[in-house]
């Protein structure tokens, strides 16, 4: 199991435990976490699941070229910790903390 802590722009937080293989985007959508849209369903084609990884990112695989290109299209500014949550999967880390940007579209 992986624990995902979703931090909203207003500072509120929600913690969810998920099985290995579940994407951070899937966890958010299945559990009604506000701020993750996921218009493309997780195929790294829309950038509406942009998050900033605050904890746990150091052991994740680097962003692919496709993901990196999509991160250039986010509605809020990209930073060094930006990732598409559809490309982050439980099982690689025990805990991950992601900050949801103020807007996705």
PDB file of N, CA and C in Angstrom:
ATOM      1  N   UNK A   1       0.843  -1.188   0.000  1.00  0.00           N
ATOM      2  CA  UNK A   1       0.000   0.000   0.000  1.00  0.00           C
ATOM      3  C   UNK A   1       0.890   1.253   0.000  1.00  0.00           C
ATOM      4  N   UNK A   2       0.364   2.253  -0.662  1.00  0.00           N
ATOM      5  CA  UNK A   2       1.015   3.552  -0.688  1.00  0.00           C
ATOM      6  C   UNK A   2       0.039   4.581  -0.131  1.00  0.00           C
ATOM      7  N   UNK A   3       0.532   5.472   0.695  1.00  0.00           N
ATOM      8  CA  UNK A   3      -0.268   6.569   1.219  1.00  0.00           C
ATOM      9  C   UNK A   3      -0.004   7.793   0.364  1.00  0.00           C
ATOM     10  N   UNK A   4      -1.074   8.391  -0.137  1.00  0.00           N
ATOM     11  CA  UNK A   4      -0.968   9.619  -0.924  1.00  0.00           C
ATOM     12  C   UNK A   4      -1.619  10.736  -0.127  1.00  0.00           C
ATOM     13  N   UNK A   5      -0.863  11.796   0.097  1.00  0.00           N
ATOM     14  CA  UNK A   5      -1.393  12.983   0.759  1.00  0.00           C
ATOM     15  C   UNK A   5      -1.594  14.047  -0.310  1.00  0.00           C
ATOM     16  N   UNK A   6      -2.845  14.444  -0.488  1.00  0.00           N
ATOM     17  CA  UNK A   6      -3.189  15.492  -1.441  1.00  0.00           C
ATOM     18  C   UNK A   6      -3.312  16.793  -0.668  1.00  0.00           C
ATOM     19  N   UNK A   7      -2.536  17.800  -1.057  1.00  0.00           N
ATOM     20  CA  UNK A   7      -2.572  19.114  -0.406  1.00  0.00           C
ATOM     21  C   UNK A   7      -3.221  20.101  -1.372  1.00  0.00           C
ATOM     22  N   UNK A   8      -4.325  20.685  -0.946  1.00  0.00           N
ATOM     23  CA  UNK A   8      -5.073  21.638  -1.764  1.00  0.00           C
ATOM     24  C   UNK A   8      -4.436  23.028  -1.693  1.00  0.00           C
ATOM     25  N   UNK A   9      -4.743  23.903  -2.652  1.00  0.00           N
ATOM     26  CA  UNK A   9      -4.198  25.264  -2.631  1.00  0.00           C
ATOM     27  C   UNK A   9      -4.535  26.037  -1.357  1.00  0.00           C
ATOM     28  N   UNK A  10      -5.670  25.719  -0.717  1.00  0.00           N
ATOM     29  CA  UNK A  10      -6.058  26.412   0.518  1.00  0.00           C
ATOM     30  C   UNK A  10      -5.391  25.825   1.755  1.00  0.00           C
ATOM     31  N   UNK A  11      -4.554  24.803   1.582  1.00  0.00           N
ATOM     32  CA  UNK A  11      -3.842  24.190   2.702  1.00  0.00           C
ATOM     33  C   UNK A  11      -4.529  22.964   3.276  1.00  0.00           C
ATOM     34  N   UNK A  12      -5.768  22.720   2.911  1.00  0.00           N
ATOM     35  CA  UNK A  12      -6.452  21.524   3.410  1.00  0.00           C
ATOM     36  C   UNK A  12      -5.796  20.287   2.804  1.00  0.00           C
ATOM     37  N   UNK A  13      -5.908  19.171   3.516  1.00  0.00           N
ATOM     38  CA  UNK A  13      -5.245  17.944   3.090  1.00  0.00           C
ATOM     39  C   UNK A  13      -6.198  16.760   3.159  1.00  0.00           C
ATOM     40  N   UNK A  14      -5.904  15.783   2.320  1.00  0.00           N
ATOM     41  CA  UNK A  14      -6.664  14.533   2.334  1.00  0.00           C
ATOM     42  C   UNK A  14      -5.699  13.387   2.082  1.00  0.00           C
ATOM     43  N   UNK A  15      -5.760  12.380   2.934  1.00  0.00           N
ATOM     44  CA  UNK A  15      -4.873  11.231   2.833  1.00  0.00           C
ATOM     45  C   UNK A  15      -5.663  10.018   2.351  1.00  0.00           C
ATOM     46  N   UNK A  16      -5.085   9.308   1.373  1.00  0.00           N
ATOM     47  CA  UNK A  16      -5.725   8.127   0.803  1.00  0.00           C
ATOM     48  C   UNK A  16      -4.688   7.024   0.689  1.00  0.00           C
ATOM     49  N   UNK A  17      -5.073   5.794   1.031  1.00  0.00           N
ATOM     50  CA  UNK A  17      -4.194   4.639   0.845  1.00  0.00           C
ATOM     51  C   UNK A  17      -4.672   3.881  -0.384  1.00  0.00           C
ATOM     52  N   UNK A  18      -3.714   3.505  -1.234  1.00  0.00           N
ATOM     53  CA  UNK A  18      -4.056   2.813  -2.481  1.00  0.00           C
ATOM     54  C   UNK A  18      -3.150   1.611  -2.694  1.00  0.00           C
ATOM     55  N   UNK A  19      -3.641   0.695  -3.505  1.00  0.00           N
ATOM     56  CA  UNK A  19      -2.890  -0.507  -3.862  1.00  0.00           C
ATOM     57  C   UNK A  19      -1.810  -0.172  -4.886  1.00  0.00           C
ATOM     58  N   UNK A  20      -0.778  -0.990  -4.940  1.00  0.00           N
ATOM     59  CA  UNK A  20       0.275  -0.850  -5.941  1.00  0.00           C
ATOM     60  C   UNK A  20      -0.331  -0.872  -7.337  1.00  0.00           C
ATOM     61  N   UNK A  21       0.195  -0.044  -8.219  1.00  0.00           N
ATOM     62  CA  UNK A  21      -0.281   0.018  -9.589  1.00  0.00           C
ATOM     63  C   UNK A  21      -1.330   1.081  -9.832  1.00  0.00           C
ATOM     64  N   UNK A  22      -1.876   1.675  -8.792  1.00  0.00           N
ATOM     65  CA  UNK A  22      -2.869   2.740  -8.923  1.00  0.00           C
ATOM     66  C   UNK A  22      -2.137   4.055  -9.156  1.00  0.00           C
ATOM     67  N   UNK A  23      -2.581   4.815 -10.140  1.00  0.00           N
ATOM     68  CA  UNK A  23      -1.946   6.115 -10.364  1.00  0.00           C
ATOM     69  C   UNK A  23      -2.484   7.128  -9.353  1.00  0.00           C
ATOM     70  N   UNK A  24      -1.700   8.160  -9.110  1.00  0.00           N
ATOM     71  CA  UNK A  24      -2.129   9.235  -8.219  1.00  0.00           C
ATOM     72  C   UNK A  24      -3.399   9.880  -8.776  1.00  0.00           C
ATOM     73  N   UNK A  25      -3.490  10.011 -10.108  1.00  0.00           N
ATOM     74  CA  UNK A  25      -4.695  10.563 -10.728  1.00  0.00           C
ATOM     75  C   UNK A  25      -5.908   9.672 -10.464  1.00  0.00           C
ATOM     76  N   UNK A  26      -5.761   8.350 -10.653  1.00  0.00           N
ATOM     77  CA  UNK A  26      -6.874   7.428 -10.406  1.00  0.00           C
ATOM     78  C   UNK A  26      -7.322   7.518  -8.948  1.00  0.00           C
ATOM     79  N   UNK A  27      -6.371   7.565  -8.038  1.00  0.00           N
ATOM     80  CA  UNK A  27      -6.703   7.662  -6.613  1.00  0.00           C
ATOM     81  C   UNK A  27      -7.518   8.915  -6.336  1.00  0.00           C
ATOM     82  N   UNK A  28      -7.123  10.028  -6.936  1.00  0.00           N
ATOM     83  CA  UNK A  28      -7.843  11.290  -6.731  1.00  0.00           C
ATOM     84  C   UNK A  28      -9.259  11.216  -7.289  1.00  0.00           C
ATOM     85  N   UNK A  29      -9.389  10.759  -8.512  1.00  0.00           N
ATOM     86  CA  UNK A  29     -10.708  10.723  -9.152  1.00  0.00           C
ATOM     87  C   UNK A  29     -11.634   9.734  -8.451  1.00  0.00           C
ATOM     88  N   UNK A  30     -11.134   8.541  -8.141  1.00  0.00           N
ATOM     89  CA  UNK A  30     -11.975   7.526  -7.490  1.00  0.00           C
ATOM     90  C   UNK A  30     -12.409   7.922  -6.084  1.00  0.00           C
ATOM     91  N   UNK A  31     -11.665   8.849  -5.473  1.00  0.00           N
ATOM     92  CA  UNK A  31     -11.974   9.264  -4.108  1.00  0.00           C
ATOM     93  C   UNK A  31     -12.495  10.695  -4.015  1.00  0.00           C
ATOM     94  N   UNK A  32     -12.844  11.284  -5.148  1.00  0.00           N
ATOM     95  CA  UNK A  32     -13.458  12.606  -5.157  1.00  0.00           C
ATOM     96  C   UNK A  32     -12.568  13.735  -4.680  1.00  0.00           C
ATOM     97  N   UNK A  33     -11.277  13.639  -4.941  1.00  0.00           N
ATOM     98  CA  UNK A  33     -10.360  14.710  -4.556  1.00  0.00           C
ATOM     99  C   UNK A  33     -10.507  15.852  -5.553  1.00  0.00           C
ATOM    100  N   UNK A  34     -10.823  17.038  -5.051  1.00  0.00           N
ATOM    101  CA  UNK A  34     -10.982  18.215  -5.910  1.00  0.00           C
ATOM    102  C   UNK A  34      -9.646  18.621  -6.519  1.00  0.00           C
ATOM    103  N   UNK A  35      -9.718  19.154  -7.743  1.00  0.00           N
ATOM    104  CA  UNK A  35      -8.545  19.752  -8.369  1.00  0.00           C
ATOM    105  C   UNK A  35      -7.812  18.872  -9.355  1.00  0.00           C
ATOM    106  N   UNK A  36      -8.157  17.597  -9.436  1.00  0.00           N
ATOM    107  CA  UNK A  36      -7.572  16.706 -10.438  1.00  0.00           C
ATOM    108  C   UNK A  36      -8.672  16.411 -11.456  1.00  0.00           C
ATOM    109  N   UNK A  37      -8.462  16.838 -12.696  1.00  0.00           N
ATOM    110  CA  UNK A  37      -9.484  16.681 -13.723  1.00  0.00           C
ATOM    111  C   UNK A  37      -9.277  15.381 -14.502  1.00  0.00           C
ATOM    112  N   UNK A  38      -8.113  15.185 -15.059  1.00  0.00           N
ATOM    113  CA  UNK A  38      -7.814  13.958 -15.794  1.00  0.00           C
ATOM    114  C   UNK A  38      -8.665  13.776 -17.035  1.00  0.00           C
ATOM    115  N   UNK A  39      -8.800  14.816 -17.836  1.00  0.00           N
ATOM    116  CA  UNK A  39      -9.656  14.770 -19.031  1.00  0.00           C
ATOM    117  C   UNK A  39      -9.314  13.636 -19.991  1.00  0.00           C
ATOM    118  N   UNK A  40      -8.037  13.284 -20.119  1.00  0.00           N
ATOM    119  CA  UNK A  40      -7.645  12.270 -21.110  1.00  0.00           C
ATOM    120  C   UNK A  40      -7.676  10.860 -20.530  1.00  0.00           C
ATOM    121  N   UNK A  41      -8.062  10.731 -19.274  1.00  0.00           N
ATOM    122  CA  UNK A  41      -8.182   9.414 -18.664  1.00  0.00           C
ATOM    123  C   UNK A  41      -6.874   8.764 -18.273  1.00  0.00           C
ATOM    124  N   UNK A  42      -5.792   9.506 -18.305  1.00  0.00           N
ATOM    125  CA  UNK A  42      -4.520   8.969 -17.846  1.00  0.00           C
ATOM    126  C   UNK A  42      -3.532   8.620 -18.934  1.00  0.00           C
ATOM    127  N   UNK A  43      -3.717   9.169 -20.124  1.00  0.00           N
ATOM    128  CA  UNK A  43      -2.805   8.840 -21.220  1.00  0.00           C
ATOM    129  C   UNK A  43      -1.754   9.918 -21.487  1.00  0.00           C
ATOM    130  N   UNK A  44      -1.556  10.818 -20.531  1.00  0.00           N
ATOM    131  CA  UNK A  44      -0.543  11.887 -20.621  1.00  0.00           C
ATOM    132  C   UNK A  44      -0.739  12.757 -21.858  1.00  0.00           C
ATOM    133  N   UNK A  45      -1.990  13.114 -22.122  1.00  0.00           N
ATOM    134  CA  UNK A  45      -2.296  13.900 -23.312  1.00  0.00           C
ATOM    135  C   UNK A  45      -3.019  15.218 -23.028  1.00  0.00           C
ATOM    136  N   UNK A  46      -3.212  15.572 -21.744  1.00  0.00           N
ATOM    137  CA  UNK A  46      -3.994  16.783 -21.515  1.00  0.00           C
ATOM    138  C   UNK A  46      -3.427  17.718 -20.443  1.00  0.00           C
ATOM    139  N   UNK A  47      -2.625  17.240 -19.541  1.00  0.00           N
ATOM    140  CA  UNK A  47      -2.017  18.040 -18.464  1.00  0.00           C
ATOM    141  C   UNK A  47      -3.022  18.569 -17.444  1.00  0.00           C
ATOM    142  N   UNK A  48      -4.227  17.961 -17.364  1.00  0.00           N
ATOM    143  CA  UNK A  48      -5.218  18.407 -16.378  1.00  0.00           C
ATOM    144  C   UNK A  48      -5.143  17.603 -15.080  1.00  0.00           C
ATOM    145  N   UNK A  49      -4.032  16.913 -14.892  1.00  0.00           N
ATOM    146  CA  UNK A  49      -3.800  16.202 -13.627  1.00  0.00           C
ATOM    147  C   UNK A  49      -2.449  16.618 -13.045  1.00  0.00           C
ATOM    148  N   UNK A  50      -2.021  17.814 -13.400  1.00  0.00           N
ATOM    149  CA  UNK A  50      -0.749  18.387 -12.948  1.00  0.00           C
ATOM    150  C   UNK A  50      -0.712  18.481 -11.421  1.00  0.00           C
ATOM    151  N   UNK A  51       0.391  18.038 -10.843  1.00  0.00           N
ATOM    152  CA  UNK A  51       0.625  18.191  -9.408  1.00  0.00           C
ATOM    153  C   UNK A  51       2.080  18.588  -9.188  1.00  0.00           C
ATOM    154  N   UNK A  52       2.355  19.076  -7.992  1.00  0.00           N
ATOM    155  CA  UNK A  52       3.716  19.367  -7.568  1.00  0.00           C
ATOM    156  C   UNK A  52       4.056  18.332  -6.491  1.00  0.00           C
ATOM    157  N   UNK A  53       5.057  17.506  -6.732  1.00  0.00           N
ATOM    158  CA  UNK A  53       5.438  16.458  -5.788  1.00  0.00           C
ATOM    159  C   UNK A  53       6.286  17.088  -4.691  1.00  0.00           C
ATOM    160  N   UNK A  54       5.789  17.025  -3.459  1.00  0.00           N
ATOM    161  CA  UNK A  54       6.489  17.622  -2.326  1.00  0.00           C
ATOM    162  C   UNK A  54       7.285  16.611  -1.517  1.00  0.00           C
ATOM    163  N   UNK A  55       6.854  15.350  -1.526  1.00  0.00           N
ATOM    164  CA  UNK A  55       7.542  14.311  -0.759  1.00  0.00           C
ATOM    165  C   UNK A  55       7.411  12.999  -1.522  1.00  0.00           C
ATOM    166  N   UNK A  56       8.486  12.260  -1.619  1.00  0.00           N
ATOM    167  CA  UNK A  56       8.461  10.958  -2.272  1.00  0.00           C
ATOM    168  C   UNK A  56       8.951  10.979  -3.700  1.00  0.00           C
ATOM    169  N   UNK A  57       9.128  12.142  -4.274  1.00  0.00           N
ATOM    170  CA  UNK A  57       9.543  12.242  -5.670  1.00  0.00           C
ATOM    171  C   UNK A  57      10.956  11.802  -5.954  1.00  0.00           C
ATOM    172  N   UNK A  58      11.781  11.788  -4.930  1.00  0.00           N
ATOM    173  CA  UNK A  58      13.189  11.453  -5.141  1.00  0.00           C
ATOM    174  C   UNK A  58      13.408  10.004  -5.568  1.00  0.00           C
ATOM    175  N   UNK A  59      12.436   9.126  -5.349  1.00  0.00           N
ATOM    176  CA  UNK A  59      12.590   7.727  -5.744  1.00  0.00           C
ATOM    177  C   UNK A  59      11.735   7.357  -6.961  1.00  0.00           C
ATOM    178  N   UNK A  60      11.014   8.316  -7.502  1.00  0.00           N
ATOM    179  CA  UNK A  60      10.179   8.054  -8.679  1.00  0.00           C
ATOM    180  C   UNK A  60      11.019   8.110  -9.945  1.00  0.00           C
ATOM    181  N   UNK A  61      10.568   7.399 -10.960  1.00  0.00           N
ATOM    182  CA  UNK A  61      11.210   7.485 -12.267  1.00  0.00           C
ATOM    183  C   UNK A  61      11.092   8.915 -12.781  1.00  0.00           C
ATOM    184  N   UNK A  62      12.066   9.349 -13.559  1.00  0.00           N
ATOM    185  CA  UNK A  62      12.024  10.681 -14.157  1.00  0.00           C
ATOM    186  C   UNK A  62      10.866  10.759 -15.147  1.00  0.00           C
ATOM    187  N   UNK A  63      10.403  11.963 -15.382  1.00  0.00           N
ATOM    188  CA  UNK A  63       9.324  12.180 -16.355  1.00  0.00           C
ATOM    189  C   UNK A  63       9.802  11.771 -17.748  1.00  0.00           C
ATOM    190  N   UNK A  64       8.920  11.125 -18.494  1.00  0.00           N
ATOM    191  CA  UNK A  64       9.229  10.760 -19.878  1.00  0.00           C
ATOM    192  C   UNK A  64       9.246  12.020 -20.741  1.00  0.00           C
ATOM    193  N   UNK A  65       9.712  11.891 -21.958  1.00  0.00           N
ATOM    194  CA  UNK A  65       9.721  13.025 -22.879  1.00  0.00           C
ATOM    195  C   UNK A  65       8.298  13.516 -23.142  1.00  0.00           C
ATOM    196  N   UNK A  66       7.364  12.577 -23.303  1.00  0.00           N
ATOM    197  CA  UNK A  66       5.957  12.937 -23.540  1.00  0.00           C
ATOM    198  C   UNK A  66       5.395  13.696 -22.350  1.00  0.00           C
ATOM    199  N   UNK A  67       5.648  13.179 -21.133  1.00  0.00           N
ATOM    200  CA  UNK A  67       5.158  13.871 -19.939  1.00  0.00           C
ATOM    201  C   UNK A  67       5.774  15.256 -19.828  1.00  0.00           C
ATOM    202  N   UNK A  68       7.055  15.356 -20.074  1.00  0.00           N
ATOM    203  CA  UNK A  68       7.737  16.645 -19.986  1.00  0.00           C
ATOM    204  C   UNK A  68       7.147  17.654 -20.967  1.00  0.00           C
ATOM    205  N   UNK A  69       6.849  17.202 -22.176  1.00  0.00           N
ATOM    206  CA  UNK A  69       6.220  18.092 -23.157  1.00  0.00           C
ATOM    207  C   UNK A  69       4.851  18.559 -22.681  1.00  0.00           C
ATOM    208  N   UNK A  70       4.060  17.650 -22.099  1.00  0.00           N
ATOM    209  CA  UNK A  70       2.733  18.028 -21.614  1.00  0.00           C
ATOM    210  C   UNK A  70       2.815  18.984 -20.429  1.00  0.00           C
ATOM    211  N   UNK A  71       3.845  18.845 -19.620  1.00  0.00           N
ATOM    212  CA  UNK A  71       4.005  19.753 -18.480  1.00  0.00           C
ATOM    213  C   UNK A  71       4.250  21.195 -18.929  1.00  0.00           C
ATOM    214  N   UNK A  72       4.696  21.371 -20.157  1.00  0.00           N
ATOM    215  CA  UNK A  72       4.850  22.726 -20.699  1.00  0.00           C
ATOM    216  C   UNK A  72       3.500  23.350 -21.024  1.00  0.00           C
ATOM    217  N   UNK A  73       2.421  22.557 -20.980  1.00  0.00           N
ATOM    218  CA  UNK A  73       1.076  23.025 -21.341  1.00  0.00           C
ATOM    219  C   UNK A  73       0.160  23.190 -20.136  1.00  0.00           C
ATOM    220  N   UNK A  74       0.684  23.152 -18.934  1.00  0.00           N
ATOM    221  CA  UNK A  74      -0.168  23.224 -17.741  1.00  0.00           C
ATOM    222  C   UNK A  74      -0.773  24.618 -17.574  1.00  0.00           C
ATOM    223  N   UNK A  75      -1.930  24.657 -16.915  1.00  0.00           N
ATOM    224  CA  UNK A  75      -2.637  25.918 -16.695  1.00  0.00           C
ATOM    225  C   UNK A  75      -1.951  26.787 -15.648  1.00  0.00           C
ATOM    226  N   UNK A  76      -1.221  26.165 -14.741  1.00  0.00           N
ATOM    227  CA  UNK A  76      -0.441  26.905 -13.747  1.00  0.00           C
ATOM    228  C   UNK A  76       1.033  26.636 -14.033  1.00  0.00           C
ATOM    229  N   UNK A  77       1.902  27.524 -13.635  1.00  0.00           N
ATOM    230  CA  UNK A  77       3.309  27.379 -13.986  1.00  0.00           C
ATOM    231  C   UNK A  77       3.933  26.053 -13.533  1.00  0.00           C
ATOM    232  N   UNK A  78       4.707  25.494 -14.415  1.00  0.00           N
ATOM    233  CA  UNK A  78       5.481  24.286 -14.135  1.00  0.00           C
ATOM    234  C   UNK A  78       6.668  24.676 -13.259  1.00  0.00           C
ATOM    235  N   UNK A  79       7.053  23.771 -12.357  1.00  0.00           N
ATOM    236  CA  UNK A  79       8.274  23.977 -11.590  1.00  0.00           C
ATOM    237  C   UNK A  79       9.069  22.674 -11.571  1.00  0.00           C
ATOM    238  N   UNK A  80      10.171  22.652 -10.850  1.00  0.00           N
ATOM    239  CA  UNK A  80      11.049  21.475 -10.831  1.00  0.00           C
ATOM    240  C   UNK A  80      10.370  20.242 -10.245  1.00  0.00           C
ATOM    241  N   UNK A  81       9.303  20.431  -9.486  1.00  0.00           N
ATOM    242  CA  UNK A  81       8.591  19.318  -8.847  1.00  0.00           C
ATOM    243  C   UNK A  81       7.313  18.937  -9.582  1.00  0.00           C
ATOM    244  N   UNK A  82       7.056  19.546 -10.735  1.00  0.00           N
ATOM    245  CA  UNK A  82       5.829  19.279 -11.483  1.00  0.00           C
ATOM    246  C   UNK A  82       5.850  17.901 -12.121  1.00  0.00           C
ATOM    247  N   UNK A  83       4.711  17.228 -12.020  1.00  0.00           N
ATOM    248  CA  UNK A  83       4.510  15.933 -12.675  1.00  0.00           C
ATOM    249  C   UNK A  83       3.049  15.822 -13.064  1.00  0.00           C
ATOM    250  N   UNK A  84       2.760  14.917 -13.995  1.00  0.00           N
ATOM    251  CA  UNK A  84       1.385  14.551 -14.302  1.00  0.00           C
ATOM    252  C   UNK A  84       1.034  13.408 -13.367  1.00  0.00           C
ATOM    253  N   UNK A  85      -0.031  13.559 -12.609  1.00  0.00           N
ATOM    254  CA  UNK A  85      -0.361  12.527 -11.615  1.00  0.00           C
ATOM    255  C   UNK A  85      -0.776  11.212 -12.258  1.00  0.00           C
ATOM    256  N   UNK A  86      -1.133  11.231 -13.535  1.00  0.00           N
ATOM    257  CA  UNK A  86      -1.465   9.981 -14.226  1.00  0.00           C
ATOM    258  C   UNK A  86      -0.221   9.148 -14.496  1.00  0.00           C
ATOM    259  N   UNK A  87       0.953   9.740 -14.331  1.00  0.00           N
ATOM    260  CA  UNK A  87       2.206   9.037 -14.598  1.00  0.00           C
ATOM    261  C   UNK A  87       2.937   8.642 -13.317  1.00  0.00           C
ATOM    262  N   UNK A  88       2.308   8.870 -12.172  1.00  0.00           N
ATOM    263  CA  UNK A  88       2.878   8.509 -10.866  1.00  0.00           C
ATOM    264  C   UNK A  88       2.088   7.338 -10.306  1.00  0.00           C
ATOM    265  N   UNK A  89       2.767   6.238 -10.028  1.00  0.00           N
ATOM    266  CA  UNK A  89       2.072   5.025  -9.624  1.00  0.00           C
ATOM    267  C   UNK A  89       2.451   4.570  -8.226  1.00  0.00           C
ATOM    268  N   UNK A  90       1.439   4.163  -7.463  1.00  0.00           N
ATOM    269  CA  UNK A  90       1.638   3.614  -6.125  1.00  0.00           C
ATOM    270  C   UNK A  90       2.446   2.329  -6.249  1.00  0.00           C
ATOM    271  N   UNK A  91       3.201   2.065  -5.231  1.00  0.00           N
ATOM    272  CA  UNK A  91       4.014   0.863  -5.203  1.00  0.00           C
ATOM    273  C   UNK A  91       5.491   1.184  -5.252  1.00  0.00           C
ATOM    274  N   UNK A  92       5.842   2.321  -5.854  1.00  0.00           N
ATOM    275  CA  UNK A  92       7.234   2.734  -5.928  1.00  0.00           C
ATOM    276  C   UNK A  92       7.690   3.413  -4.632  1.00  0.00           C
ATOM    277  N   UNK A  93       6.744   3.942  -3.897  1.00  0.00           N
ATOM    278  CA  UNK A  93       7.043   4.639  -2.647  1.00  0.00           C
ATOM    279  C   UNK A  93       6.001   4.267  -1.592  1.00  0.00           C
ATOM    280  N   UNK A  94       6.372   4.383  -0.318  1.00  0.00           N
ATOM    281  CA  UNK A  94       5.409   4.144   0.769  1.00  0.00           C
ATOM    282  C   UNK A  94       4.464   5.313   0.932  1.00  0.00           C
ATOM    283  N   UNK A  95       5.001   6.516   0.690  1.00  0.00           N
ATOM    284  CA  UNK A  95       4.209   7.729   0.893  1.00  0.00           C
ATOM    285  C   UNK A  95       4.628   8.762  -0.142  1.00  0.00           C
ATOM    286  N   UNK A  96       3.634   9.459  -0.648  1.00  0.00           N
ATOM    287  CA  UNK A  96       3.903  10.569  -1.555  1.00  0.00           C
ATOM    288  C   UNK A  96       2.967  11.720  -1.186  1.00  0.00           C
ATOM    289  N   UNK A  97       3.511  12.919  -1.196  1.00  0.00           N
ATOM    290  CA  UNK A  97       2.719  14.113  -0.940  1.00  0.00           C
ATOM    291  C   UNK A  97       2.718  14.947  -2.204  1.00  0.00           C
ATOM    292  N   UNK A  98       1.526  15.305  -2.670  1.00  0.00           N
ATOM    293  CA  UNK A  98       1.407  16.137  -3.861  1.00  0.00           C
ATOM    294  C   UNK A  98       0.573  17.362  -3.542  1.00  0.00           C
ATOM    295  N   UNK A  99       1.010  18.474  -4.087  1.00  0.00           N
ATOM    296  CA  UNK A  99       0.260  19.737  -3.950  1.00  0.00           C
ATOM    297  C   UNK A  99      -0.477  19.962  -5.262  1.00  0.00           C
ATOM    298  N   UNK A 100      -1.774  20.180  -5.148  1.00  0.00           N
ATOM    299  CA  UNK A 100      -2.614  20.408  -6.315  1.00  0.00           C
ATOM    300  C   UNK A 100      -2.567  21.901  -6.654  1.00  0.00           C
ATOM    301  N   UNK A 101      -2.344  22.225  -7.919  1.00  0.00           N
ATOM    302  CA  UNK A 101      -2.300  23.648  -8.293  1.00  0.00           C
ATOM    303  C   UNK A 101      -3.674  24.308  -8.201  1.00  0.00           C
ATOM    304  N   UNK A 102      -3.676  25.613  -8.237  1.00  0.00           N
ATOM    305  CA  UNK A 102      -4.916  26.370  -8.098  1.00  0.00           C
ATOM    306  C   UNK A 102      -5.918  26.086  -9.220  1.00  0.00           C
ATOM    307  N   UNK A 103      -5.424  25.798 -10.418  1.00  0.00           N
ATOM    308  CA  UNK A 103      -6.339  25.468 -11.508  1.00  0.00           C
ATOM    309  C   UNK A 103      -5.661  24.501 -12.465  1.00  0.00           C
ATOM    310  N   UNK A 104      -6.489  23.731 -13.170  1.00  0.00           N
ATOM    311  CA  UNK A 104      -5.995  22.756 -14.147  1.00  0.00           C
ATOM    312  C   UNK A 104      -6.350  23.156 -15.577  1.00  0.00           C
ATOM    313  N   UNK A 105      -7.384  23.944 -15.746  1.00  0.00           N
ATOM    314  CA  UNK A 105      -7.819  24.339 -17.096  1.00  0.00           C
ATOM    315  C   UNK A 105      -7.987  25.843 -17.152  1.00  0.00           C
TER     316      UNK A 105
END
